[in-house]
Amino acid sequence: MNVVPSSLLLGLDTLIERLPPFGPQTRAAGLALAAVLLWATWPTLATVANPGPPFLLFGLAAAIGFAVSFGLSAAQGKAADFFATPPQTLAVVTVGLLANNILYLLAMRRIGPAEANVISYLWPVLLVTIMARLRMERLGQTQVVGIAAAFVGVAFAIGPAFERGFDVAGITLAFFSGLAFAVYAAIRSYGRETHDVVGPSMGLLAMLALGFHWAFEAPASLSSAQWFAVAGIGIAPLTLSNALWDRAVRTGYTAMISGIAYLTPLVSLVLLAIFDVGTVSAGVAAGALLVVTGALAASGLLPRGKKPGA
């Protein structure tokens, strides 16, 4: 289960829009793919940041993301726009990202980063299912097969044994991490803001997470490597990727970009293996491939070019 100034996001949008003959669907795919590449760094960075307290790690990462986002927005003369996000939007983004990321950190400690990542990334399948229910649409046979393939993929990743042993609580935490993000993405698909709403939300996220750390976790000091990882989390997979995804999901091509999101577990596993910070078993790799295969089927839920409410 990510921060950039609105000026940078608008620059990316402009670049994609000016690449003829690409249209809005290609623009949405480009935004989603960029988000996926940044999201994929999350398990590797989180593994390096461990074993720091989850709320402390997340709170510091959110604070760094907020500071970078606000600083760059202020440098562009858009400080006032930075704080123009409606309170209800701030609440949705804050609760959604806090639940998604904290549950993932807790799951990762119990079952390992690779397994937790594959299970959490059932969220695109869950998002397709949720959007179908919201729009009172029936899932086609291909979509049902795709969803089934994704769950079979998770079964491969789960068994016969996790890196750190079979743990029902860890499985549950990882699943609800994905569910939290699916619900969050479904709500945000109906957002109509034209500016970045993730950067401003990082400030509230930081205050909440650090408050939970002070209330429920023991004080801890971080090494230089952990600080580097926390900074990376705050800038890349926490703020920048979520800001890009938020813009992508508001284009309306929910099924297509949900399919693109399935690539994240595969890219994450590659990074874990390259940096040798997590065990990537054959079962986990096979499970991730099945999840991606399920995406190719499930992403056909909406007709080409259909928008929410159309």
Protein backbone atom coordinates (compact mmCIF):
# COMPACT_ATOMS: atom_id res chain seq x y z
CA MET A 1 0.00 0.00 0.00
CA ASN A 2 4.07 10.59 -2.01
CA VAL A 3 4.73 14.49 -2.49
CA VAL A 4 5.34 16.86 -5.35
CA PRO A 5 4.55 20.53 -5.82
CA SER A 6 1.55 21.33 -7.95
CA SER A 7 3.84 23.15 -10.39
CA LEU A 8 5.80 19.96 -11.08
CA LEU A 9 2.61 17.94 -11.49
CA LEU A 10 1.22 20.53 -13.89
CA GLY A 11 4.50 20.43 -15.80
CA LEU A 12 4.19 16.65 -16.18
CA ASP A 13 0.56 16.98 -17.29
CA THR A 14 1.55 19.60 -19.86
CA LEU A 15 4.34 17.43 -21.22
CA ILE A 16 2.06 14.41 -21.65
CA GLU A 17 -0.72 16.50 -23.20
CA ARG A 18 1.69 17.96 -25.77
CA LEU A 19 2.76 14.59 -27.15
CA PRO A 20 0.39 14.15 -30.12
CA PRO A 21 -1.51 12.07 -31.03
CA PHE A 22 -1.77 10.95 -27.42
CA GLY A 23 -5.07 11.79 -25.73
CA PRO A 24 -6.40 11.95 -22.19
CA GLN A 25 -6.29 8.17 -21.80
CA THR A 26 -2.57 8.10 -22.58
CA ARG A 27 -2.07 11.00 -20.19
CA ALA A 28 -3.83 9.03 -17.45
CA ALA A 29 -1.69 5.98 -18.20
CA GLY A 30 1.49 8.07 -18.04
CA LEU A 31 0.56 9.53 -14.66
CA ALA A 32 -0.32 6.08 -13.30
CA LEU A 33 2.90 4.50 -14.60
CA ALA A 34 5.01 7.25 -13.01
CA ALA A 35 3.19 6.65 -9.71
CA VAL A 36 3.83 2.90 -9.98
CA LEU A 37 7.57 3.34 -10.51
CA LEU A 38 7.81 5.49 -7.39
CA TRP A 39 5.52 3.27 -5.31
CA ALA A 40 7.78 0.32 -6.10
CA THR A 41 10.56 1.84 -3.96
CA TRP A 42 8.38 1.61 -0.82
CA PRO A 43 9.22 -1.97 0.36
CA THR A 44 12.97 -1.45 -0.15
CA LEU A 45 13.05 1.90 1.65
CA ALA A 46 10.76 0.63 4.43
CA THR A 47 13.03 -2.38 4.98
CA VAL A 48 16.06 -0.11 5.33
CA ALA A 49 14.13 2.17 7.72
CA ASN A 50 13.18 -0.75 9.98
CA PRO A 51 13.19 -1.56 12.86
CA GLY A 52 12.14 1.96 13.75
CA PRO A 53 8.67 2.45 15.30
CA PRO A 54 6.05 2.53 12.48
CA PHE A 55 4.30 5.74 13.55
CA LEU A 56 7.65 7.51 14.03
CA LEU A 57 8.93 6.43 10.61
CA PHE A 58 5.70 7.37 8.87
CA GLY A 59 5.31 10.66 10.74
CA LEU A 60 8.85 11.80 9.91
CA ALA A 61 8.45 10.77 6.27
CA ALA A 62 5.19 12.72 6.01
CA ALA A 63 6.79 15.78 7.63
CA ILE A 64 9.64 15.68 5.13
CA GLY A 65 7.21 15.31 2.25
CA PHE A 66 5.15 18.24 3.49
CA ALA A 67 8.20 20.48 3.92
CA VAL A 68 9.57 19.71 0.46
CA SER A 69 6.19 20.18 -1.20
CA PHE A 70 5.44 23.44 0.55
CA GLY A 71 8.93 24.83 0.01
CA LEU A 72 8.81 24.23 -3.73
CA SER A 73 5.27 25.59 -3.99
CA ALA A 74 6.31 28.72 -2.11
CA ALA A 75 9.28 29.16 -4.42
CA GLN A 76 6.82 29.17 -7.32
CA GLY A 77 4.69 31.81 -5.61
CA LYS A 78 1.84 29.36 -4.96
CA ALA A 79 1.93 29.14 -1.18
CA ALA A 80 -1.70 30.34 -0.93
CA ASP A 81 -2.88 27.64 -3.35
CA PHE A 82 -1.08 25.04 -1.28
CA PHE A 83 -3.49 25.62 1.60
CA ALA A 84 -6.64 25.87 -0.56
CA THR A 85 -7.55 22.18 -0.21
CA PRO A 86 -11.07 21.68 1.25
CA PRO A 87 -11.10 20.21 4.80
CA GLN A 88 -13.13 17.17 3.71
CA THR A 89 -10.53 16.35 1.04
CA LEU A 90 -7.71 16.70 3.57
CA ALA A 91 -9.57 14.30 5.86
CA VAL A 92 -10.07 11.66 3.13
CA VAL A 93 -6.45 11.79 1.97
CA THR A 94 -5.10 11.77 5.53
CA VAL A 95 -7.18 8.84 6.78
CA GLY A 96 -6.70 6.81 3.60
CA LEU A 97 -2.93 7.15 3.41
CA LEU A 98 -2.41 6.79 7.16
CA ALA A 99 -4.36 3.53 7.31
CA ASN A 100 -2.78 2.12 4.15
CA ASN A 101 0.83 2.82 5.11
CA ILE A 102 0.73 2.05 8.82
CA LEU A 103 -1.03 -1.28 8.22
CA TYR A 104 1.59 -2.16 5.61
CA LEU A 105 4.47 -1.34 7.97
CA LEU A 106 2.92 -3.51 10.66
CA ALA A 107 2.29 -6.37 8.21
CA MET A 108 5.81 -6.19 6.80
CA ARG A 109 7.28 -6.79 10.23
CA ARG A 110 5.26 -9.96 10.67
CA ILE A 111 5.42 -11.63 7.25
CA GLY A 112 8.24 -9.91 5.36
CA PRO A 113 8.26 -7.00 2.86
CA ALA A 114 7.83 -9.06 -0.33
CA GLU A 115 4.83 -11.05 0.92
CA ALA A 116 3.17 -8.03 2.52
CA ASN A 117 3.61 -6.07 -0.69
CA VAL A 118 1.99 -8.71 -2.91
CA ILE A 119 -0.99 -9.10 -0.55
CA SER A 120 -1.45 -5.35 -0.11
CA TYR A 121 -1.45 -4.96 -3.88
CA LEU A 122 -4.74 -6.73 -4.15
CA TRP A 123 -6.04 -3.16 -3.88
CA PRO A 124 -6.37 -2.63 -7.66
CA VAL A 125 -8.61 -5.72 -7.86
CA LEU A 126 -10.58 -4.45 -4.88
CA LEU A 127 -10.85 -1.02 -6.49
CA VAL A 128 -12.29 -2.48 -9.70
CA THR A 129 -14.83 -4.41 -7.62
CA ILE A 130 -15.76 -1.39 -5.50
CA MET A 131 -16.19 0.86 -8.54
CA ALA A 132 -18.43 -1.72 -10.20
CA ARG A 133 -20.64 -1.78 -7.11
CA LEU A 134 -20.77 2.01 -6.88
CA ARG A 135 -21.80 2.29 -10.51
CA MET A 136 -24.18 -0.67 -10.22
CA GLU A 137 -22.36 -2.45 -13.03
CA ARG A 138 -21.90 -6.20 -13.32
CA LEU A 139 -18.45 -7.69 -13.58
CA GLY A 140 -17.93 -9.50 -16.87
CA GLN A 141 -16.55 -13.01 -17.08
CA THR A 142 -13.10 -11.74 -18.00
CA GLN A 143 -13.02 -9.43 -15.00
CA VAL A 144 -14.10 -12.24 -12.67
CA VAL A 145 -11.33 -14.47 -14.04
CA GLY A 146 -8.83 -11.66 -13.56
CA ILE A 147 -9.89 -11.09 -9.96
CA ALA A 148 -9.68 -14.82 -9.26
CA ALA A 149 -6.19 -14.97 -10.79
CA ALA A 150 -5.04 -12.15 -8.52
CA PHE A 151 -6.26 -13.94 -5.40
CA VAL A 152 -4.60 -17.17 -6.57
CA GLY A 153 -1.42 -15.15 -6.98
CA VAL A 154 -1.66 -14.01 -3.38
CA ALA A 155 -2.14 -17.64 -2.32
CA PHE A 156 1.13 -18.49 -4.08
CA ALA A 157 2.85 -15.66 -2.25
CA ILE A 158 1.40 -16.74 1.10
CA GLY A 159 2.30 -20.43 1.04
CA PRO A 160 3.61 -22.80 1.86
CA ALA A 161 5.64 -20.51 4.13
CA PHE A 162 6.42 -16.82 4.56
CA GLU A 163 9.91 -15.45 4.89
CA ARG A 164 9.16 -14.95 8.59
CA GLY A 165 6.65 -17.76 9.09
CA PHE A 166 2.92 -18.11 8.46
CA ASP A 167 1.11 -15.38 10.38
CA VAL A 168 -2.65 -14.82 10.13
CA ALA A 169 -2.41 -11.40 11.76
CA GLY A 170 0.23 -10.31 9.25
CA ILE A 171 -1.89 -11.53 6.33
CA THR A 172 -4.90 -9.64 7.71
CA LEU A 173 -2.93 -6.43 8.21
CA ALA A 174 -1.59 -6.58 4.65
CA PHE A 175 -5.05 -7.25 3.20
CA PHE A 176 -6.64 -4.35 5.08
CA SER A 177 -3.76 -2.13 4.01
CA GLY A 178 -4.80 -2.81 0.43
CA LEU A 179 -8.50 -2.45 1.21
CA ALA A 180 -7.90 0.92 2.86
CA PHE A 181 -6.19 2.23 -0.27
CA ALA A 182 -8.87 0.79 -2.57
CA VAL A 183 -11.60 2.61 -0.62
CA TYR A 184 -9.50 5.78 -0.61
CA ALA A 185 -8.90 5.59 -4.38
CA ALA A 186 -12.60 4.97 -5.04
CA ILE A 187 -13.54 8.09 -3.10
CA ARG A 188 -10.84 10.18 -4.76
CA SER A 189 -11.97 9.08 -8.24
CA TYR A 190 -14.88 11.49 -7.77
CA GLY A 191 -12.63 14.40 -6.71
CA ARG A 192 -12.69 17.46 -8.90
CA GLU A 193 -9.81 19.53 -7.49
CA THR A 194 -7.39 20.90 -10.07
CA HIS A 195 -4.40 21.20 -7.73
CA ASP A 196 -2.24 18.82 -5.71
CA VAL A 197 -4.11 17.69 -2.58
CA VAL A 198 -1.57 15.16 -1.31
CA GLY A 199 1.23 17.58 -0.39
CA PRO A 200 -0.97 19.67 1.94
CA SER A 201 -2.33 16.50 3.55
CA MET A 202 1.17 15.40 4.53
CA GLY A 203 1.27 18.03 7.28
CA LEU A 204 -1.85 16.62 8.95
CA LEU A 205 -0.56 13.08 8.43
CA ALA A 206 2.71 13.98 10.13
CA MET A 207 1.00 15.49 13.15
CA LEU A 208 -1.30 12.51 13.60
CA ALA A 209 1.40 9.88 13.15
CA LEU A 210 3.90 11.63 15.43
CA GLY A 211 1.14 12.10 18.01
CA PHE A 212 0.44 8.36 17.90
CA HIS A 213 4.16 7.71 18.26
CA TRP A 214 4.35 9.88 21.36
CA ALA A 215 1.27 8.19 22.85
CA PHE A 216 1.84 4.54 21.98
CA GLU A 217 5.48 3.91 21.01
CA ALA A 218 8.72 3.97 22.95
CA PRO A 219 11.21 6.75 22.10
CA ALA A 220 13.77 5.71 19.50
CA SER A 221 16.80 7.15 17.73
CA LEU A 222 17.44 6.53 14.05
CA SER A 223 20.69 5.74 12.29
CA SER A 224 21.92 7.75 9.30
CA ALA A 225 20.77 4.94 6.96
CA GLN A 226 17.30 5.02 8.52
CA TRP A 227 17.10 8.80 8.14
CA PHE A 228 18.08 8.47 4.48
CA ALA A 229 15.36 5.85 3.95
CA VAL A 230 12.75 7.96 5.78
CA ALA A 231 13.58 10.96 3.58
CA GLY A 232 13.28 8.77 0.50
CA ILE A 233 9.90 7.45 1.66
CA GLY A 234 8.59 10.95 2.29
CA ILE A 235 9.60 12.30 -1.11
CA ALA A 236 9.03 9.32 -3.44
CA PRO A 237 6.57 6.52 -2.51
CA LEU A 238 4.60 8.52 0.05
CA THR A 239 4.09 11.94 -1.52
CA LEU A 240 5.16 12.12 -5.14
CA SER A 241 3.60 8.83 -6.22
CA ASN A 242 0.33 9.46 -4.39
CA ALA A 243 0.09 12.94 -5.89
CA LEU A 244 0.59 11.51 -9.39
CA TRP A 245 -1.90 8.71 -8.70
CA ASP A 246 -4.46 11.19 -7.36
CA ARG A 247 -4.31 13.12 -10.62
CA ALA A 248 -4.50 9.90 -12.63
CA VAL A 249 -7.52 8.48 -10.80
CA ARG A 250 -9.43 11.73 -11.29
CA THR A 251 -9.23 11.32 -15.07
CA GLY A 252 -11.93 8.65 -14.82
CA TYR A 253 -10.05 5.74 -16.41
CA THR A 254 -10.22 3.78 -13.17
CA ALA A 255 -10.07 0.27 -14.58
CA MET A 256 -7.16 1.02 -16.89
CA ILE A 257 -4.99 2.66 -14.28
CA SER A 258 -5.89 -0.05 -11.76
CA GLY A 259 -4.45 -2.51 -14.25
CA ILE A 260 -1.25 -0.47 -14.52
CA ALA A 261 -1.01 -0.44 -10.72
CA TYR A 262 -0.62 -4.22 -10.75
CA LEU A 263 2.89 -3.74 -12.08
CA THR A 264 3.96 -2.38 -8.69
CA PRO A 265 4.52 -5.74 -6.93
CA LEU A 266 6.73 -6.98 -9.76
CA VAL A 267 8.86 -3.84 -9.81
CA SER A 268 9.03 -3.88 -6.00
CA LEU A 269 10.29 -7.48 -6.01
CA VAL A 270 12.97 -6.58 -8.54
CA LEU A 271 14.19 -3.72 -6.33
CA LEU A 272 14.19 -5.91 -3.20
CA ALA A 273 16.31 -8.46 -5.06
CA ILE A 274 18.68 -5.88 -6.57
CA PHE A 275 19.39 -4.24 -3.21
CA ASP A 276 19.34 -7.59 -1.36
CA VAL A 277 17.12 -6.30 1.44
CA GLY A 278 14.42 -8.96 1.29
CA THR A 279 13.97 -12.60 0.38
CA VAL A 280 12.11 -13.03 -2.90
CA SER A 281 11.08 -16.68 -3.10
CA ALA A 282 9.87 -18.50 -6.21
CA GLY A 283 6.37 -18.58 -4.70
CA VAL A 284 6.31 -14.82 -4.17
CA ALA A 285 7.56 -14.19 -7.70
CA ALA A 286 4.97 -16.58 -9.17
CA GLY A 287 2.26 -14.95 -7.09
CA ALA A 288 3.25 -11.49 -8.31
CA LEU A 289 3.12 -12.68 -11.92
CA LEU A 290 -0.37 -14.05 -11.38
CA VAL A 291 -1.45 -10.76 -9.82
CA VAL A 292 -0.22 -8.91 -12.91
CA THR A 293 -2.00 -11.44 -15.15
CA GLY A 294 -5.19 -10.79 -13.21
CA ALA A 295 -4.71 -7.09 -13.83
CA LEU A 296 -4.64 -7.54 -17.58
CA ALA A 297 -8.08 -9.15 -17.36
CA ALA A 298 -9.66 -7.04 -14.62
CA SER A 299 -8.63 -3.74 -16.23
CA GLY A 300 -11.26 -4.24 -18.95
CA LEU A 301 -14.13 -3.38 -16.58
CA LEU A 302 -14.91 -0.03 -18.20
CA PRO A 303 -15.44 0.57 -21.91
CA ARG A 304 -12.63 2.58 -23.51
CA GLY A 305 -12.93 6.23 -22.64
CA LYS A 306 -15.80 5.89 -20.18
CA LYS A 307 -15.83 8.38 -17.31
CA PRO A 308 -17.41 8.23 -13.88
CA GLY A 309 -21.03 9.21 -14.09
CA ALA A 310 -21.03 9.01 -17.89
